[in-house]
């Protein structure tokens, strides 16, 4: 869940930044800047966390299958 949340937040910040740059600004405040290199690192970290979580489930599934084979 943490990986998905990180991924969603990073994607939302990037999407918001692109929307702000294409829409005319009527406010007095400048739009928030987004550091794309930081966001890319965040997205890569979220992807790695997701892959690690998926691998845990795959190993658990294999262990369960082996246990059932032994007991059968």
PDB file of N, CA and C in Angstrom:
ATOM      1  N   UNK A   1       0.812  -1.196   0.000  1.00  0.00           N
ATOM      2  CA  UNK A   1       0.000   0.000   0.000  1.00  0.00           C
ATOM      3  C   UNK A   1       0.857   1.263   0.000  1.00  0.00           C
ATOM      4  N   UNK A   2       1.994   1.206   0.666  1.00  0.00           N
ATOM      5  CA  UNK A   2       2.863   2.379   0.709  1.00  0.00           C
ATOM      6  C   UNK A   2       3.388   2.696  -0.680  1.00  0.00           C
ATOM      7  N   UNK A   3       3.767   1.657  -1.428  1.00  0.00           N
ATOM      8  CA  UNK A   3       4.287   1.874  -2.774  1.00  0.00           C
ATOM      9  C   UNK A   3       3.222   2.502  -3.668  1.00  0.00           C
ATOM     10  N   UNK A   4       2.005   2.017  -3.575  1.00  0.00           N
ATOM     11  CA  UNK A   4       0.919   2.558  -4.393  1.00  0.00           C
ATOM     12  C   UNK A   4       0.655   4.012  -4.034  1.00  0.00           C
ATOM     13  N   UNK A   5       0.676   4.330  -2.747  1.00  0.00           N
ATOM     14  CA  UNK A   5       0.450   5.707  -2.322  1.00  0.00           C
ATOM     15  C   UNK A   5       1.545   6.634  -2.813  1.00  0.00           C
ATOM     16  N   UNK A   6       2.802   6.190  -2.720  1.00  0.00           N
ATOM     17  CA  UNK A   6       3.922   7.003  -3.214  1.00  0.00           C
ATOM     18  C   UNK A   6       3.802   7.232  -4.706  1.00  0.00           C
ATOM     19  N   UNK A   7       3.462   6.175  -5.413  1.00  0.00           N
ATOM     20  CA  UNK A   7       3.308   6.275  -6.853  1.00  0.00           C
ATOM     21  C   UNK A   7       2.196   7.249  -7.219  1.00  0.00           C
ATOM     22  N   UNK A   8       1.066   7.122  -6.555  1.00  0.00           N
ATOM     23  CA  UNK A   8      -0.075   8.000  -6.842  1.00  0.00           C
ATOM     24  C   UNK A   8       0.245   9.459  -6.547  1.00  0.00           C
ATOM     25  N   UNK A   9       0.915   9.715  -5.409  1.00  0.00           N
ATOM     26  CA  UNK A   9       1.254  11.099  -5.061  1.00  0.00           C
ATOM     27  C   UNK A   9       2.231  11.704  -6.068  1.00  0.00           C
ATOM     28  N   UNK A  10       3.248  10.938  -6.468  1.00  0.00           N
ATOM     29  CA  UNK A  10       4.219  11.445  -7.433  1.00  0.00           C
ATOM     30  C   UNK A  10       3.553  11.704  -8.778  1.00  0.00           C
ATOM     31  N   UNK A  11       2.720  10.787  -9.208  1.00  0.00           N
ATOM     32  CA  UNK A  11       2.022  10.965 -10.485  1.00  0.00           C
ATOM     33  C   UNK A  11       1.100  12.179 -10.435  1.00  0.00           C
ATOM     34  N   UNK A  12       0.440  12.380  -9.306  1.00  0.00           N
ATOM     35  CA  UNK A  12      -0.457  13.529  -9.175  1.00  0.00           C
ATOM     36  C   UNK A  12       0.322  14.843  -9.212  1.00  0.00           C
ATOM     37  N   UNK A  13       1.486  14.892  -8.555  1.00  0.00           N
ATOM     38  CA  UNK A  13       2.295  16.120  -8.577  1.00  0.00           C
ATOM     39  C   UNK A  13       2.771  16.432  -9.992  1.00  0.00           C
ATOM     40  N   UNK A  14       3.166  15.396 -10.728  1.00  0.00           N
ATOM     41  CA  UNK A  14       3.610  15.616 -12.107  1.00  0.00           C
ATOM     42  C   UNK A  14       2.434  16.082 -12.964  1.00  0.00           C
ATOM     43  N   UNK A  15       1.283  15.461 -12.805  1.00  0.00           N
ATOM     44  CA  UNK A  15       0.108  15.856 -13.580  1.00  0.00           C
ATOM     45  C   UNK A  15      -0.310  17.284 -13.244  1.00  0.00           C
ATOM     46  N   UNK A  16      -0.268  17.629 -11.963  1.00  0.00           N
ATOM     47  CA  UNK A  16      -0.631  18.994 -11.564  1.00  0.00           C
ATOM     48  C   UNK A  16       0.335  20.012 -12.161  1.00  0.00           C
ATOM     49  N   UNK A  17       1.611  19.660 -12.201  1.00  0.00           N
ATOM     50  CA  UNK A  17       2.604  20.582 -12.748  1.00  0.00           C
ATOM     51  C   UNK A  17       2.371  20.803 -14.236  1.00  0.00           C
ATOM     52  N   UNK A  18       2.043  19.745 -14.960  1.00  0.00           N
ATOM     53  CA  UNK A  18       1.803  19.913 -16.389  1.00  0.00           C
ATOM     54  C   UNK A  18       0.511  20.680 -16.644  1.00  0.00           C
ATOM     55  N   UNK A  19      -0.490  20.496 -15.796  1.00  0.00           N
ATOM     56  CA  UNK A  19      -1.733  21.251 -15.942  1.00  0.00           C
ATOM     57  C   UNK A  19      -1.518  22.731 -15.652  1.00  0.00           C
ATOM     58  N   UNK A  20      -0.697  23.034 -14.671  1.00  0.00           N
ATOM     59  CA  UNK A  20      -0.443  24.430 -14.324  1.00  0.00           C
ATOM     60  C   UNK A  20       0.329  25.134 -15.426  1.00  0.00           C
ATOM     61  N   UNK A  21       1.229  24.403 -16.091  1.00  0.00           N
ATOM     62  CA  UNK A  21       2.023  25.054 -17.130  1.00  0.00           C
ATOM     63  C   UNK A  21       1.206  25.298 -18.392  1.00  0.00           C
ATOM     64  N   UNK A  22       0.138  24.521 -18.618  1.00  0.00           N
ATOM     65  CA  UNK A  22      -0.667  24.712 -19.826  1.00  0.00           C
ATOM     66  C   UNK A  22      -1.828  25.665 -19.615  1.00  0.00           C
ATOM     67  N   UNK A  23      -2.253  25.853 -18.377  1.00  0.00           N
ATOM     68  CA  UNK A  23      -3.383  26.735 -18.108  1.00  0.00           C
ATOM     69  C   UNK A  23      -2.872  28.134 -17.768  1.00  0.00           C
ATOM     70  N   UNK A  24      -3.559  29.143 -18.243  1.00  0.00           N
ATOM     71  CA  UNK A  24      -3.141  30.497 -17.875  1.00  0.00           C
ATOM     72  C   UNK A  24      -3.367  30.723 -16.376  1.00  0.00           C
ATOM     73  N   UNK A  25      -2.416  31.373 -15.765  1.00  0.00           N
ATOM     74  CA  UNK A  25      -2.527  31.612 -14.326  1.00  0.00           C
ATOM     75  C   UNK A  25      -3.167  32.967 -14.088  1.00  0.00           C
ATOM     76  N   UNK A  26      -4.180  32.965 -13.262  1.00  0.00           N
ATOM     77  CA  UNK A  26      -4.862  34.212 -12.921  1.00  0.00           C
ATOM     78  C   UNK A  26      -4.549  34.637 -11.499  1.00  0.00           C
ATOM     79  N   UNK A  27      -3.908  33.755 -10.755  1.00  0.00           N
ATOM     80  CA  UNK A  27      -3.608  34.086  -9.369  1.00  0.00           C
ATOM     81  C   UNK A  27      -2.319  34.901  -9.300  1.00  0.00           C
ATOM     82  N   UNK A  28      -2.112  35.504  -8.172  1.00  0.00           N
ATOM     83  CA  UNK A  28      -0.935  36.320  -7.967  1.00  0.00           C
ATOM     84  C   UNK A  28       0.265  35.446  -7.617  1.00  0.00           C
ATOM     85  N   UNK A  29       0.004  34.299  -7.000  1.00  0.00           N
ATOM     86  CA  UNK A  29       1.086  33.419  -6.589  1.00  0.00           C
ATOM     87  C   UNK A  29       1.611  32.630  -7.782  1.00  0.00           C
ATOM     88  N   UNK A  30       2.938  32.426  -7.848  1.00  0.00           N
ATOM     89  CA  UNK A  30       3.483  31.600  -8.931  1.00  0.00           C
ATOM     90  C   UNK A  30       3.128  30.132  -8.689  1.00  0.00           C
ATOM     91  N   UNK A  31       3.000  29.334  -9.740  1.00  0.00           N
ATOM     92  CA  UNK A  31       2.676  27.918  -9.558  1.00  0.00           C
ATOM     93  C   UNK A  31       3.834  27.191  -8.880  1.00  0.00           C
ATOM     94  N   UNK A  32       3.499  26.160  -8.141  1.00  0.00           N
ATOM     95  CA  UNK A  32       4.526  25.360  -7.487  1.00  0.00           C
ATOM     96  C   UNK A  32       5.375  24.688  -8.549  1.00  0.00           C
ATOM     97  N   UNK A  33       6.675  24.684  -8.302  1.00  0.00           N
ATOM     98  CA  UNK A  33       7.559  24.016  -9.248  1.00  0.00           C
ATOM     99  C   UNK A  33       7.711  22.556  -8.844  1.00  0.00           C
ATOM    100  N   UNK A  34       7.901  21.711  -9.821  1.00  0.00           N
ATOM    101  CA  UNK A  34       8.075  20.290  -9.586  1.00  0.00           C
ATOM    102  C   UNK A  34       9.440  19.901 -10.115  1.00  0.00           C
ATOM    103  N   UNK A  35      10.223  19.258  -9.272  1.00  0.00           N
ATOM    104  CA  UNK A  35      11.529  18.772  -9.684  1.00  0.00           C
ATOM    105  C   UNK A  35      11.322  17.387 -10.292  1.00  0.00           C
ATOM    106  N   UNK A  36      11.410  17.312 -11.602  1.00  0.00           N
ATOM    107  CA  UNK A  36      11.109  16.060 -12.289  1.00  0.00           C
ATOM    108  C   UNK A  36      12.109  14.964 -11.953  1.00  0.00           C
ATOM    109  N   UNK A  37      13.352  15.323 -11.680  1.00  0.00           N
ATOM    110  CA  UNK A  37      14.321  14.281 -11.314  1.00  0.00           C
ATOM    111  C   UNK A  37      13.959  13.663  -9.968  1.00  0.00           C
ATOM    112  N   UNK A  38      13.506  14.483  -9.022  1.00  0.00           N
ATOM    113  CA  UNK A  38      13.081  13.951  -7.724  1.00  0.00           C
ATOM    114  C   UNK A  38      11.844  13.085  -7.884  1.00  0.00           C
ATOM    115  N   UNK A  39      10.914  13.534  -8.701  1.00  0.00           N
ATOM    116  CA  UNK A  39       9.696  12.765  -8.923  1.00  0.00           C
ATOM    117  C   UNK A  39      10.005  11.444  -9.630  1.00  0.00           C
ATOM    118  N   UNK A  40      10.963  11.459 -10.562  1.00  0.00           N
ATOM    119  CA  UNK A  40      11.344  10.224 -11.249  1.00  0.00           C
ATOM    120  C   UNK A  40      11.943   9.233 -10.257  1.00  0.00           C
ATOM    121  N   UNK A  41      12.778   9.729  -9.358  1.00  0.00           N
ATOM    122  CA  UNK A  41      13.362   8.857  -8.329  1.00  0.00           C
ATOM    123  C   UNK A  41      12.264   8.305  -7.432  1.00  0.00           C
ATOM    124  N   UNK A  42      11.291   9.137  -7.085  1.00  0.00           N
ATOM    125  CA  UNK A  42      10.170   8.685  -6.255  1.00  0.00           C
ATOM    126  C   UNK A  42       9.376   7.600  -6.968  1.00  0.00           C
ATOM    127  N   UNK A  43       9.136   7.785  -8.255  1.00  0.00           N
ATOM    128  CA  UNK A  43       8.399   6.783  -9.018  1.00  0.00           C
ATOM    129  C   UNK A  43       9.178   5.476  -9.120  1.00  0.00           C
ATOM    130  N   UNK A  44      10.489   5.562  -9.323  1.00  0.00           N
ATOM    131  CA  UNK A  44      11.313   4.350  -9.384  1.00  0.00           C
ATOM    132  C   UNK A  44      11.325   3.632  -8.044  1.00  0.00           C
ATOM    133  N   UNK A  45      11.403   4.379  -6.966  1.00  0.00           N
ATOM    134  CA  UNK A  45      11.376   3.765  -5.635  1.00  0.00           C
ATOM    135  C   UNK A  45      10.038   3.077  -5.387  1.00  0.00           C
ATOM    136  N   UNK A  46       8.953   3.719  -5.795  1.00  0.00           N
ATOM    137  CA  UNK A  46       7.623   3.115  -5.631  1.00  0.00           C
ATOM    138  C   UNK A  46       7.516   1.840  -6.458  1.00  0.00           C
ATOM    139  N   UNK A  47       8.060   1.871  -7.674  1.00  0.00           N
ATOM    140  CA  UNK A  47       8.042   0.670  -8.515  1.00  0.00           C
ATOM    141  C   UNK A  47       8.828  -0.466  -7.864  1.00  0.00           C
ATOM    142  N   UNK A  48       9.992  -0.147  -7.325  1.00  0.00           N
ATOM    143  CA  UNK A  48      10.811  -1.166  -6.663  1.00  0.00           C
ATOM    144  C   UNK A  48      10.116  -1.725  -5.430  1.00  0.00           C
ATOM    145  N   UNK A  49       9.457  -0.870  -4.674  1.00  0.00           N
ATOM    146  CA  UNK A  49       8.712  -1.334  -3.504  1.00  0.00           C
ATOM    147  C   UNK A  49       7.573  -2.247  -3.934  1.00  0.00           C
ATOM    148  N   UNK A  50       6.891  -1.893  -5.003  1.00  0.00           N
ATOM    149  CA  UNK A  50       5.795  -2.713  -5.500  1.00  0.00           C
ATOM    150  C   UNK A  50       6.309  -4.078  -5.948  1.00  0.00           C
ATOM    151  N   UNK A  51       7.445  -4.090  -6.661  1.00  0.00           N
ATOM    152  CA  UNK A  51       8.018  -5.353  -7.115  1.00  0.00           C
ATOM    153  C   UNK A  51       8.435  -6.226  -5.934  1.00  0.00           C
ATOM    154  N   UNK A  52       8.999  -5.617  -4.911  1.00  0.00           N
ATOM    155  CA  UNK A  52       9.398  -6.375  -3.724  1.00  0.00           C
ATOM    156  C   UNK A  52       8.173  -6.966  -3.028  1.00  0.00           C
ATOM    157  N   UNK A  53       7.112  -6.177  -2.917  1.00  0.00           N
ATOM    158  CA  UNK A  53       5.875  -6.680  -2.305  1.00  0.00           C
ATOM    159  C   UNK A  53       5.289  -7.825  -3.120  1.00  0.00           C
ATOM    160  N   UNK A  54       5.304  -7.699  -4.426  1.00  0.00           N
ATOM    161  CA  UNK A  54       4.777  -8.758  -5.284  1.00  0.00           C
ATOM    162  C   UNK A  54       5.601 -10.028  -5.145  1.00  0.00           C
ATOM    163  N   UNK A  55       6.902  -9.866  -5.012  1.00  0.00           N
ATOM    164  CA  UNK A  55       7.780 -11.023  -4.867  1.00  0.00           C
ATOM    165  C   UNK A  55       7.516 -11.751  -3.549  1.00  0.00           C
ATOM    166  N   UNK A  56       7.208 -11.024  -2.503  1.00  0.00           N
ATOM    167  CA  UNK A  56       6.871 -11.645  -1.222  1.00  0.00           C
ATOM    168  C   UNK A  56       5.646 -12.532  -1.387  1.00  0.00           C
ATOM    169  N   UNK A  57       4.634 -12.043  -2.093  1.00  0.00           N
ATOM    170  CA  UNK A  57       3.430 -12.836  -2.317  1.00  0.00           C
ATOM    171  C   UNK A  57       3.729 -14.063  -3.181  1.00  0.00           C
ATOM    172  N   UNK A  58       4.585 -13.900  -4.175  1.00  0.00           N
ATOM    173  CA  UNK A  58       4.931 -15.030  -5.033  1.00  0.00           C
ATOM    174  C   UNK A  58       5.662 -16.113  -4.252  1.00  0.00           C
ATOM    175  N   UNK A  59       6.581 -15.723  -3.386  1.00  0.00           N
ATOM    176  CA  UNK A  59       7.309 -16.693  -2.572  1.00  0.00           C
ATOM    177  C   UNK A  59       6.351 -17.387  -1.605  1.00  0.00           C
ATOM    178  N   UNK A  60       5.460 -16.626  -1.009  1.00  0.00           N
ATOM    179  CA  UNK A  60       4.467 -17.222  -0.116  1.00  0.00           C
ATOM    180  C   UNK A  60       3.594 -18.230  -0.841  1.00  0.00           C
ATOM    181  N   UNK A  61       3.216 -17.913  -2.065  1.00  0.00           N
ATOM    182  CA  UNK A  61       2.398 -18.825  -2.870  1.00  0.00           C
ATOM    183  C   UNK A  61       3.165 -20.104  -3.173  1.00  0.00           C
ATOM    184  N   UNK A  62       4.434 -19.965  -3.539  1.00  0.00           N
ATOM    185  CA  UNK A  62       5.260 -21.150  -3.817  1.00  0.00           C
ATOM    186  C   UNK A  62       5.421 -22.013  -2.572  1.00  0.00           C
ATOM    187  N   UNK A  63       5.622 -21.362  -1.429  1.00  0.00           N
ATOM    188  CA  UNK A  63       5.767 -22.116  -0.179  1.00  0.00           C
ATOM    189  C   UNK A  63       4.491 -22.882   0.146  1.00  0.00           C
ATOM    190  N   UNK A  64       3.354 -22.252  -0.059  1.00  0.00           N
ATOM    191  CA  UNK A  64       2.074 -22.897   0.218  1.00  0.00           C
ATOM    192  C   UNK A  64       1.870 -24.097  -0.708  1.00  0.00           C
ATOM    193  N   UNK A  65       2.229 -23.936  -1.981  1.00  0.00           N
ATOM    194  CA  UNK A  65       2.109 -25.042  -2.933  1.00  0.00           C
ATOM    195  C   UNK A  65       3.012 -26.205  -2.531  1.00  0.00           C
ATOM    196  N   UNK A  66       4.241 -25.912  -2.132  1.00  0.00           N
ATOM    197  CA  UNK A  66       5.164 -26.975  -1.696  1.00  0.00           C
ATOM    198  C   UNK A  66       4.622 -27.696  -0.470  1.00  0.00           C
ATOM    199  N   UNK A  67       4.084 -26.927   0.469  1.00  0.00           N
ATOM    200  CA  UNK A  67       3.529 -27.533   1.683  1.00  0.00           C
ATOM    201  C   UNK A  67       2.364 -28.452   1.342  1.00  0.00           C
ATOM    202  N   UNK A  68       1.498 -28.009   0.437  1.00  0.00           N
ATOM    203  CA  UNK A  68       0.374 -28.846   0.043  1.00  0.00           C
ATOM    204  C   UNK A  68       0.853 -30.103  -0.695  1.00  0.00           C
ATOM    205  N   UNK A  69       1.915 -29.974  -1.500  1.00  0.00           N
ATOM    206  CA  UNK A  69       2.471 -31.148  -2.180  1.00  0.00           C
ATOM    207  C   UNK A  69       3.039 -32.132  -1.172  1.00  0.00           C
ATOM    208  N   UNK A  70       3.709 -31.642  -0.139  1.00  0.00           N
ATOM    209  CA  UNK A  70       4.284 -32.518   0.882  1.00  0.00           C
ATOM    210  C   UNK A  70       3.187 -33.233   1.652  1.00  0.00           C
ATOM    211  N   UNK A  71       2.124 -32.520   1.978  1.00  0.00           N
ATOM    212  CA  UNK A  71       1.046 -33.089   2.783  1.00  0.00           C
ATOM    213  C   UNK A  71       0.157 -34.027   1.973  1.00  0.00           C
ATOM    214  N   UNK A  72       0.169 -33.921   0.663  1.00  0.00           N
ATOM    215  CA  UNK A  72      -0.729 -34.740  -0.180  1.00  0.00           C
ATOM    216  C   UNK A  72      -0.223 -36.144  -0.349  1.00  0.00           C
TER     217      UNK A  72
END
